[in-house]
Amino acid sequence: MMLSSVSKHITGTLALLSAPLPGQLQWTQAAPPLSPTARQLASMAFDGNRGTTILFGGRAANGLVLQETWQWDGSQWRQEFVSPQPPPMIATAMAYDPRRQRVVLFGGCIVQTGLSDQTWEWNGTSWTFRAVALRPPPRIRHRMAFDEVRGTTILFGGVGPTELADTWEWDGSRWLQLQPTHHPSARWGHVMVSDQARNRIVLYGGQTTIPNNVFGDTWEWDGSDWALRAPTALPPRREIADGCFDARRGRMVLFGGLGAEYPYLGYQTDAWDWDGTAWVLRAYAGGPPPGRENHSMAYDPLRGQTVLFGGFNATGVLGDTWEYGPTYPAETVPYGHACAGSVGTPAHSAQNLPWLGDTYGLTTAPLPAPALGFLFLGFDRTQWNGIPLPLDLTPAGMPGCTLDVEIPLLAFAGSPNATLTWSLPIGTTPDLLGFSFFTQSLHLDPLANPLGATTSNALRHRIGGR
């Protein structure tokens, strides 16, 4: 059932109570007590096994090629003193394999021996060298991303003895060169990320040396072939930028790089989003970081933040840590408890996040079929008409049940199966940013208790802008 009246009520309430709020995205410079030394050409990926961002290698301001493993947890950097670990390297590629819970590292330049074709994996506590007979040719400035369709890590391009346009996959035990019908032209210094929302790998930009050319094209890999996308607007051409996929917002983030055309010559400070259809230049509060190239970026899904470290610009090699994300992130948090029904304990949950301008879906299940019930939507979880909440509903014939939200608004739903669903269109007015509301559902269940009804847990919702 559409809750347009609820959406209008929320919008109207906030129009009276709130002033316009700042931009929907912001850059924040972190100031940890300890951090890696300034470096460029390092590699970074989010380690889902440990829940931290991992940084490896790079070249320091004095030219030293580094053999260091660091972890960022959102508040501090910590160096991991482990052995063995990859040799001192620059311009490697790293990607996280969520199915095997490993960070995969391939290639780069080893200071003693030159171009590398080594494969290493990080499991959250240690590095392991993977000795395989068949592997991609050695290279630098290539990119890797995880393919949700194939369940493998995909590698594309880079530069070795020649500039490369090959596609390889790593399944955890072997490398295999793929032979797609279409593919981007040979290049290096491109950006490549895994779009988990659409099961695509997105590739943007890069360059070739012969002929000297900087790209501004967008390609996508669907698990079997590359396809050139043709959006109406594109970020200005650039090389050696970086990016990642913001899973909460469902957007690829692109930042920095060395521009190739007026008025974007030099080190870029613009941030762009790709949602699978269009590139959008974003305005943001705070920052931005100084423009740069050869920096490292990764997305932390636990905190909903893009992490940026280091790089190089006209001032030299950089060692700063920045984070980028919504000024008001959308959030759904369960609280309270449900009471048992005749077919199980009904769980009230969200199908997505409450972003400005989206349709927000809520469900409750399992329920006796056909399911009938009400959604309570309120703006207070502490009292209702002077009655303290939560309210014990045992005296009403519902032992173990509680009312956890006020009830200024009700929405009825029915379903032939065991699940109730509600759709809540959220307005586009900026006044809604950061606004919280609460929901809980009540359902008919004649066999559950004397009253013949049960209640679910409750949810706190905060409207965000992406």
Protein backbone atom coordinates (compact mmCIF):
# COMPACT_ATOMS: atom_id res chain seq x y z
CA MET A 1 0.00 0.00 0.00
CA MET A 2 1.40 3.45 -0.92
CA LEU A 3 1.89 5.74 2.03
CA SER A 4 1.74 9.02 0.14
CA SER A 5 -0.24 10.61 2.95
CA VAL A 6 2.50 9.65 5.40
CA SER A 7 5.15 11.16 3.14
CA LYS A 8 3.16 14.39 2.83
CA HIS A 9 2.69 14.52 6.60
CA ILE A 10 6.43 14.14 7.21
CA THR A 11 7.25 16.75 4.57
CA GLY A 12 4.72 19.22 5.90
CA THR A 13 5.83 18.76 9.50
CA LEU A 14 9.46 19.38 8.69
CA ALA A 15 8.73 22.36 6.46
CA LEU A 16 7.47 24.09 9.57
CA LEU A 17 10.17 22.89 11.97
CA SER A 18 13.41 22.80 9.97
CA ALA A 19 15.65 25.21 8.08
CA PRO A 20 17.40 24.07 4.90
CA LEU A 21 20.37 21.83 5.63
CA PRO A 22 23.85 21.78 4.04
CA GLY A 23 25.02 19.60 1.14
CA GLN A 24 24.32 15.90 1.07
CA LEU A 25 27.98 14.80 0.85
CA GLN A 26 31.08 15.92 2.67
CA TRP A 27 34.85 15.44 2.84
CA THR A 28 36.45 15.19 6.28
CA GLN A 29 40.18 15.12 6.93
CA ALA A 30 41.14 12.64 9.65
CA ALA A 31 43.82 13.46 12.20
CA PRO A 32 44.99 10.09 13.58
CA PRO A 33 47.82 10.10 16.13
CA LEU A 34 49.86 7.74 13.93
CA SER A 35 49.68 7.26 10.18
CA PRO A 36 51.74 5.84 7.31
CA THR A 37 54.48 8.08 5.99
CA ALA A 38 53.62 10.10 2.92
CA ARG A 39 53.56 7.89 -0.18
CA GLN A 40 52.22 7.50 -3.69
CA LEU A 41 51.53 4.45 -5.85
CA ALA A 42 50.38 2.38 -2.85
CA SER A 43 47.49 -0.11 -3.07
CA MET A 44 44.41 -0.14 -0.86
CA ALA A 45 41.35 -2.37 -0.39
CA PHE A 46 38.75 -2.95 2.30
CA ASP A 47 39.39 -6.19 4.18
CA GLY A 48 35.92 -7.55 4.92
CA ASN A 49 37.39 -10.39 6.97
CA ARG A 50 38.73 -8.00 9.61
CA GLY A 51 36.54 -4.98 8.89
CA THR A 52 39.39 -2.56 8.18
CA THR A 53 41.00 -0.87 5.20
CA ILE A 54 44.38 -2.35 4.24
CA LEU A 55 47.20 -0.34 2.62
CA PHE A 56 50.34 -1.87 1.15
CA GLY A 57 53.56 -0.58 -0.39
CA GLY A 58 54.09 2.66 -2.25
CA ARG A 59 56.97 5.06 -2.79
CA ALA A 60 57.94 7.57 -0.11
CA ALA A 61 58.95 11.19 -0.67
CA ASN A 62 62.65 10.22 -0.54
CA GLY A 63 62.12 7.68 -3.35
CA LEU A 64 62.25 4.63 -1.05
CA VAL A 65 59.93 1.83 -2.18
CA LEU A 66 58.09 0.56 0.89
CA GLN A 67 57.33 -2.91 2.23
CA GLU A 68 54.66 -2.03 4.77
CA THR A 69 51.19 -3.30 5.62
CA TRP A 70 48.86 -0.84 7.40
CA GLN A 71 45.25 -1.07 8.62
CA TRP A 72 42.78 1.83 9.03
CA ASP A 73 39.78 1.25 11.32
CA GLY A 74 38.17 4.67 10.96
CA SER A 75 39.98 6.31 13.85
CA GLN A 76 43.57 5.12 13.72
CA TRP A 77 46.21 3.58 11.49
CA ARG A 78 48.09 0.51 12.73
CA GLN A 79 51.11 -1.06 11.07
CA GLU A 80 51.06 -4.85 10.84
CA PHE A 81 54.51 -6.35 11.33
CA VAL A 82 54.05 -9.70 9.60
CA SER A 83 56.33 -12.12 7.81
CA PRO A 84 56.29 -13.13 5.04
CA GLN A 85 54.81 -10.24 3.08
CA PRO A 86 55.11 -9.02 -0.50
CA PRO A 87 58.45 -7.44 -1.42
CA PRO A 88 58.79 -3.63 -1.57
CA MET A 89 56.42 -2.67 -4.41
CA ILE A 90 54.73 0.19 -6.21
CA ALA A 91 51.82 0.32 -8.66
CA THR A 92 50.34 -3.05 -7.74
CA ALA A 93 46.61 -3.83 -7.88
CA MET A 94 44.50 -5.14 -4.98
CA ALA A 95 40.90 -6.30 -4.68
CA TYR A 96 38.87 -8.05 -1.98
CA ASP A 97 37.31 -11.45 -2.69
CA PRO A 98 34.27 -11.64 -0.33
CA ARG A 99 33.54 -15.29 -1.06
CA ARG A 100 36.97 -16.47 0.03
CA GLN A 101 37.53 -13.55 2.44
CA ARG A 102 40.91 -12.68 0.95
CA VAL A 103 42.53 -9.49 -0.33
CA VAL A 104 44.25 -10.38 -3.63
CA LEU A 105 47.39 -8.52 -4.76
CA PHE A 106 48.98 -8.93 -8.17
CA GLY A 107 51.86 -7.38 -10.09
CA GLY A 108 53.57 -4.07 -9.55
CA CYS A 109 57.20 -3.07 -9.66
CA ILE A 110 59.71 -4.64 -7.25
CA VAL A 111 62.65 -2.37 -6.59
CA GLN A 112 65.27 -5.12 -6.97
CA THR A 113 63.89 -7.05 -9.94
CA GLY A 114 61.53 -4.78 -11.90
CA LEU A 115 58.07 -5.71 -13.11
CA SER A 116 56.30 -8.38 -11.04
CA ASP A 117 53.93 -11.24 -11.86
CA GLN A 118 53.57 -12.34 -8.23
CA THR A 119 50.23 -13.16 -6.62
CA TRP A 120 49.76 -12.62 -2.87
CA GLU A 121 46.74 -12.96 -0.59
CA TRP A 122 45.94 -11.34 2.77
CA ASN A 123 43.54 -13.19 5.10
CA GLY A 124 43.22 -10.51 7.77
CA THR A 125 46.29 -11.52 9.76
CA SER A 126 48.94 -12.75 7.32
CA TRP A 127 50.15 -12.68 3.71
CA THR A 128 50.52 -15.84 1.60
CA PHE A 129 52.46 -16.08 -1.66
CA ARG A 130 50.50 -18.03 -4.27
CA ALA A 131 52.84 -19.88 -6.61
CA VAL A 132 50.97 -20.63 -9.85
CA ALA A 133 52.46 -21.71 -13.16
CA LEU A 134 50.09 -19.83 -15.48
CA ARG A 135 49.68 -16.16 -14.62
CA PRO A 136 49.29 -12.79 -16.34
CA PRO A 137 52.44 -11.19 -17.74
CA PRO A 138 54.19 -8.83 -15.30
CA ARG A 139 52.82 -5.28 -15.27
CA ILE A 140 52.19 -2.07 -13.36
CA ARG A 141 49.28 0.39 -13.18
CA HIS A 142 46.71 -2.31 -13.92
CA ARG A 143 43.44 -2.70 -11.99
CA MET A 144 41.46 -5.49 -10.37
CA ALA A 145 37.89 -5.81 -9.07
CA PHE A 146 35.69 -8.64 -7.84
CA ASP A 147 33.16 -10.08 -10.30
CA GLU A 148 29.92 -10.85 -8.42
CA VAL A 149 28.62 -12.92 -11.37
CA ARG A 150 31.61 -15.21 -11.83
CA GLY A 151 32.73 -15.15 -8.19
CA THR A 152 36.29 -14.35 -9.26
CA THR A 153 38.72 -11.44 -9.24
CA ILE A 154 39.02 -9.73 -12.65
CA LEU A 155 42.21 -8.01 -13.86
CA PHE A 156 42.40 -5.66 -16.82
CA GLY A 157 45.17 -3.77 -18.61
CA GLY A 158 48.27 -2.09 -17.29
CA VAL A 159 51.68 -1.64 -18.83
CA GLY A 160 54.55 -4.11 -19.04
CA PRO A 161 56.94 -4.36 -21.96
CA THR A 162 53.89 -3.17 -23.93
CA GLU A 163 50.58 -1.53 -23.02
CA LEU A 164 47.97 -4.20 -22.35
CA ALA A 165 44.28 -4.80 -23.05
CA ASP A 166 43.92 -8.31 -21.64
CA THR A 167 41.27 -9.61 -19.23
CA TRP A 168 42.20 -12.25 -16.63
CA GLU A 169 40.42 -13.86 -13.71
CA TRP A 170 41.72 -15.35 -10.44
CA ASP A 171 39.51 -17.95 -8.74
CA GLY A 172 41.73 -18.55 -5.73
CA SER A 173 43.78 -21.35 -7.25
CA ARG A 174 44.51 -20.41 -10.86
CA TRP A 175 44.70 -17.52 -13.30
CA LEU A 176 42.75 -17.83 -16.56
CA GLN A 177 42.90 -15.42 -19.48
CA LEU A 178 39.39 -14.64 -20.72
CA GLN A 179 38.55 -13.92 -24.34
CA PRO A 180 35.67 -11.42 -24.39
CA THR A 181 34.28 -10.34 -27.75
CA HIS A 182 34.65 -6.67 -26.82
CA HIS A 183 37.04 -4.90 -24.49
CA PRO A 184 38.53 -1.48 -23.76
CA SER A 185 41.61 -0.49 -25.70
CA ALA A 186 45.05 -0.96 -24.15
CA ARG A 187 45.56 1.41 -21.24
CA TRP A 188 47.01 1.96 -17.79
CA GLY A 189 46.18 4.23 -14.87
CA HIS A 190 42.44 3.59 -15.27
CA VAL A 191 39.88 3.19 -12.47
CA MET A 192 38.02 -0.12 -12.03
CA VAL A 193 35.50 -0.98 -9.30
CA SER A 194 32.95 -3.66 -8.52
CA ASP A 195 29.34 -2.42 -8.57
CA GLN A 196 27.69 -4.95 -6.25
CA ALA A 197 24.25 -3.40 -6.71
CA ARG A 198 24.12 -4.20 -10.44
CA ASN A 199 26.63 -7.09 -10.64
CA ARG A 200 28.91 -5.13 -12.94
CA ILE A 201 32.54 -4.07 -12.97
CA VAL A 202 32.90 -0.43 -14.04
CA LEU A 203 36.05 0.87 -15.77
CA TYR A 204 36.76 4.54 -16.40
CA GLY A 205 39.55 6.46 -18.14
CA GLY A 206 43.28 5.78 -18.11
CA GLN A 207 45.88 6.51 -20.74
CA THR A 208 48.28 5.17 -23.34
CA THR A 209 51.78 6.45 -24.01
CA ILE A 210 51.96 5.56 -27.70
CA PRO A 211 50.01 7.29 -29.07
CA ASN A 212 49.88 9.75 -26.19
CA ASN A 213 46.21 9.67 -25.26
CA VAL A 214 44.11 10.13 -22.11
CA PHE A 215 40.70 8.43 -22.04
CA GLY A 216 37.35 9.56 -20.64
CA ASP A 217 35.30 6.51 -21.60
CA THR A 218 33.15 4.25 -19.41
CA TRP A 219 33.09 0.47 -19.83
CA GLU A 220 31.21 -2.25 -17.93
CA TRP A 221 31.95 -5.96 -17.51
CA ASP A 222 28.89 -8.20 -16.98
CA GLY A 223 30.68 -11.47 -16.30
CA SER A 224 31.13 -12.45 -19.95
CA ASP A 225 31.88 -9.35 -22.03
CA TRP A 226 32.85 -5.69 -21.89
CA ALA A 227 30.38 -3.05 -23.13
CA LEU A 228 31.10 0.61 -23.86
CA ARG A 229 28.55 2.87 -22.18
CA ALA A 230 27.48 6.16 -23.73
CA PRO A 231 26.11 8.47 -21.02
CA THR A 232 25.17 12.01 -22.00
CA ALA A 233 27.71 13.52 -19.57
CA LEU A 234 31.15 12.25 -18.70
CA PRO A 235 33.83 13.32 -16.24
CA PRO A 236 36.59 15.23 -18.05
CA ARG A 237 39.34 12.93 -19.32
CA ARG A 238 41.97 12.09 -16.74
CA GLU A 239 44.66 9.61 -15.81
CA ILE A 240 45.78 7.99 -12.56
CA ALA A 241 42.59 8.84 -10.68
CA ASP A 242 41.06 6.41 -8.22
CA GLY A 243 37.61 5.32 -7.12
CA CYS A 244 35.50 2.77 -5.28
CA PHE A 245 31.89 1.64 -4.96
CA ASP A 246 29.77 3.19 -2.22
CA ALA A 247 27.51 0.25 -1.42
CA ARG A 248 25.07 2.16 0.81
CA ARG A 249 24.43 4.87 -1.76
CA GLY A 250 24.63 2.43 -4.70
CA ARG A 251 27.12 4.66 -6.54
CA MET A 252 30.63 4.43 -7.91
CA VAL A 253 32.79 7.29 -6.60
CA LEU A 254 35.54 8.83 -8.77
CA PHE A 255 38.01 11.39 -7.42
CA GLY A 256 41.17 13.17 -8.49
CA GLY A 257 43.65 12.29 -11.18
CA LEU A 258 45.60 14.40 -13.64
CA GLY A 259 43.30 16.24 -16.01
CA ALA A 260 43.74 16.29 -19.76
CA GLU A 261 41.59 19.18 -21.03
CA TYR A 262 40.69 22.78 -20.20
CA PRO A 263 39.46 23.86 -17.68
CA TYR A 264 40.43 20.68 -15.84
CA LEU A 265 44.16 20.74 -16.49
CA GLY A 266 46.22 19.79 -13.46
CA TYR A 267 45.39 17.84 -10.33
CA GLN A 268 41.65 17.35 -10.00
CA THR A 269 39.47 18.05 -6.95
CA ASP A 270 36.13 17.05 -8.49
CA ALA A 271 34.13 14.05 -7.26
CA TRP A 272 31.77 12.17 -9.58
CA ASP A 273 29.10 9.50 -9.07
CA TRP A 274 28.17 6.75 -11.54
CA ASP A 275 24.83 5.02 -10.81
CA GLY A 276 24.83 2.75 -13.84
CA THR A 277 23.02 5.28 -16.03
CA ALA A 278 24.64 8.69 -15.63
CA TRP A 279 27.74 10.42 -14.31
CA VAL A 280 26.91 13.23 -11.88
CA LEU A 281 29.32 15.90 -10.68
CA ARG A 282 28.77 16.22 -6.94
CA ALA A 283 28.76 19.30 -4.76
CA TYR A 284 29.96 18.67 -1.22
CA ALA A 285 30.42 20.33 2.12
CA GLY A 286 33.88 20.57 3.62
CA GLY A 287 37.17 19.99 1.84
CA PRO A 288 37.77 18.99 -0.81
CA PRO A 289 41.14 17.31 -0.46
CA PRO A 290 43.89 18.92 -2.51
CA GLY A 291 43.93 17.61 -6.08
CA ARG A 292 46.23 14.66 -6.65
CA GLU A 293 47.20 11.60 -8.63
CA ASN A 294 48.62 8.21 -7.61
CA HIS A 295 46.45 8.22 -4.47
CA SER A 296 44.66 5.23 -2.95
CA MET A 297 40.93 4.81 -2.27
CA ALA A 298 38.70 2.11 -0.77
CA TYR A 299 35.14 1.96 0.58
CA ASP A 300 34.41 0.96 4.19
CA PRO A 301 30.89 -0.57 4.14
CA LEU A 302 30.74 -0.90 7.93
CA ARG A 303 30.93 2.87 8.41
CA GLY A 304 29.59 3.96 5.02
CA GLN A 305 32.69 6.00 4.20
CA THR A 306 35.08 6.25 1.26
CA VAL A 307 38.67 6.34 2.52
CA LEU A 308 41.43 8.23 0.65
CA PHE A 309 45.13 8.23 1.46
CA GLY A 310 48.23 9.90 0.04
CA GLY A 311 49.19 10.50 -3.57
CA PHE A 312 51.17 13.18 -5.35
CA ASN A 313 50.63 16.76 -6.53
CA ALA A 314 52.65 19.92 -7.18
CA THR A 315 53.53 20.19 -3.47
CA GLY A 316 55.09 16.71 -3.45
CA VAL A 317 54.19 13.32 -2.00
CA LEU A 318 51.16 13.36 0.33
CA GLY A 319 50.40 11.53 3.57
CA ASP A 320 46.91 12.77 4.47
CA THR A 321 43.86 10.63 5.30
CA TRP A 322 40.39 11.75 4.17
CA GLU A 323 36.90 10.28 4.35
CA TYR A 324 33.94 11.01 2.09
CA GLY A 325 30.32 10.18 2.58
CA PRO A 326 26.79 11.50 3.17
CA THR A 327 26.36 14.47 5.47
CA TYR A 328 23.18 12.74 6.60
CA PRO A 329 23.49 8.99 5.94
CA ALA A 330 20.31 6.99 5.66
CA GLU A 331 19.90 4.55 8.52
CA THR A 332 17.54 1.83 9.73
CA VAL A 333 18.02 0.53 13.29
CA PRO A 334 15.84 -2.17 14.93
CA TYR A 335 14.87 -1.90 18.57
CA GLY A 336 12.34 -3.39 20.95
CA HIS A 337 11.14 -6.98 20.55
CA ALA A 338 8.37 -8.87 18.84
CA CYS A 339 5.95 -11.23 20.55
CA ALA A 340 5.54 -14.80 19.37
CA GLY A 341 2.75 -15.61 16.93
CA SER A 342 1.18 -18.89 15.87
CA VAL A 343 3.60 -19.34 12.94
CA GLY A 344 6.71 -17.73 14.42
CA THR A 345 7.92 -14.40 15.73
CA PRO A 346 7.12 -11.59 13.26
CA ALA A 347 10.19 -9.59 12.23
CA HIS A 348 9.74 -6.02 10.97
CA SER A 349 12.53 -5.07 8.55
CA ALA A 350 13.48 -2.69 5.74
CA GLN A 351 13.99 -3.68 2.10
CA ASN A 352 16.32 -0.75 1.40
CA LEU A 353 17.52 2.44 3.08
CA PRO A 354 15.44 5.63 3.47
CA TRP A 355 17.18 7.92 0.95
CA LEU A 356 15.71 11.25 -0.08
CA GLY A 357 13.55 10.85 -3.19
CA ASP A 358 13.37 7.04 -3.03
CA THR A 359 10.51 4.68 -2.27
CA TYR A 360 11.21 3.00 1.06
CA GLY A 361 10.00 -0.57 1.50
CA LEU A 362 9.05 -2.20 4.83
CA THR A 363 8.01 -5.79 5.47
CA THR A 364 6.85 -7.99 8.35
CA ALA A 365 7.04 -11.81 8.33
CA PRO A 366 6.23 -14.58 9.12
CA LEU A 367 2.51 -14.15 9.68
CA PRO A 368 -0.46 -16.52 9.35
CA ALA A 369 -1.71 -16.43 5.76
CA PRO A 370 -3.62 -14.57 4.55
CA ALA A 371 -1.83 -11.82 6.43
CA LEU A 372 -3.67 -8.73 7.70
CA GLY A 373 -2.20 -5.93 9.74
CA PHE A 374 -1.42 -2.28 10.43
CA LEU A 375 1.72 -0.21 10.27
CA PHE A 376 2.14 2.25 13.13
CA LEU A 377 4.19 5.28 12.12
CA GLY A 378 5.18 7.85 14.72
CA PHE A 379 7.71 10.49 15.58
CA ASP A 380 8.29 9.58 19.25
CA ARG A 381 9.39 6.35 20.88
CA THR A 382 9.30 7.58 24.49
CA GLN A 383 5.60 8.48 25.00
CA TRP A 384 2.20 8.51 23.31
CA ASN A 385 -0.36 11.04 24.53
CA GLY A 386 1.41 11.18 27.87
CA ILE A 387 1.66 7.36 28.22
CA PRO A 388 5.27 6.18 28.62
CA LEU A 389 6.61 3.81 25.96
CA PRO A 390 7.24 0.92 25.63
CA LEU A 391 3.77 -0.03 26.82
CA ASP A 392 3.09 -3.57 28.05
CA LEU A 393 0.08 -4.97 26.17
CA THR A 394 -0.47 -7.98 28.46
CA PRO A 395 -3.54 -6.38 30.11
CA ALA A 396 -5.07 -6.03 26.63
CA GLY A 397 -4.83 -9.81 26.07
CA MET A 398 -1.45 -9.77 24.28
CA PRO A 399 1.04 -11.27 26.77
CA GLY A 400 4.66 -10.57 25.90
CA CYS A 401 3.73 -7.84 23.40
CA THR A 402 4.65 -4.17 23.70
CA LEU A 403 3.80 -0.94 21.93
CA ASP A 404 7.10 0.76 21.07
CA VAL A 405 6.03 3.79 18.97
CA GLU A 406 3.36 6.46 19.16
CA ILE A 407 0.49 6.03 16.68
CA PRO A 408 -0.38 9.29 14.95
CA LEU A 409 -0.51 7.49 11.58
CA LEU A 410 -1.84 4.07 10.56
CA ALA A 411 -1.64 2.17 7.29
CA PHE A 412 -3.49 -1.09 6.64
CA ALA A 413 -2.10 -3.89 4.47
CA GLY A 414 -3.29 -7.31 3.41
CA SER A 415 -1.56 -10.16 1.64
CA PRO A 416 -2.50 -13.70 0.51
CA ASN A 417 0.84 -14.99 1.80
CA ALA A 418 2.75 -14.73 5.10
CA THR A 419 4.36 -11.34 4.46
CA LEU A 420 3.00 -7.82 4.76
CA THR A 421 4.62 -5.05 2.71
CA TRP A 422 4.35 -1.28 2.90
CA SER A 423 5.83 1.29 0.47
CA LEU A 424 6.72 4.75 1.70
CA PRO A 425 7.57 7.40 -0.92
CA ILE A 426 10.05 9.86 0.60
CA GLY A 427 9.91 13.42 -0.66
CA THR A 428 12.77 15.33 -2.24
CA THR A 429 12.76 18.43 -0.04
CA PRO A 430 16.11 18.95 1.73
CA ASP A 431 14.14 19.65 4.93
CA LEU A 432 13.77 15.89 5.35
CA LEU A 433 17.53 15.26 5.61
CA GLY A 434 18.45 13.81 8.98
CA PHE A 435 14.82 13.45 10.07
CA SER A 436 13.97 10.36 12.16
CA PHE A 437 10.70 8.48 12.47
CA PHE A 438 9.64 5.14 13.95
CA THR A 439 7.53 2.19 12.77
CA GLN A 440 6.07 -0.99 14.21
CA SER A 441 3.43 -3.37 12.90
CA LEU A 442 0.39 -5.09 14.48
CA HIS A 443 -1.14 -8.18 12.85
CA LEU A 444 -4.18 -10.37 13.23
CA ASP A 445 -3.31 -13.82 14.58
CA PRO A 446 -6.36 -15.52 16.19
CA LEU A 447 -4.33 -18.45 17.55
CA ALA A 448 -1.57 -16.36 19.15
CA ASN A 449 -3.25 -15.05 22.32
CA PRO A 450 -6.67 -14.07 23.79
CA LEU A 451 -6.87 -10.83 21.76
CA GLY A 452 -5.80 -12.57 18.55
CA ALA A 453 -3.08 -10.11 17.55
CA THR A 454 0.70 -9.74 17.74
CA THR A 455 3.21 -6.91 17.41
CA SER A 456 6.58 -6.87 15.68
CA ASN A 457 9.81 -5.30 16.78
CA ALA A 458 10.16 -1.59 15.99
CA LEU A 459 12.49 0.30 13.64
CA ARG A 460 14.08 3.72 13.87
CA HIS A 461 14.58 5.33 10.46
CA ARG A 462 16.73 8.32 9.54
CA ILE A 463 16.28 9.92 6.13
CA GLY A 464 19.57 10.50 4.33
CA GLY A 465 20.76 12.16 1.14
CA ARG A 466 23.03 10.43 -1.33
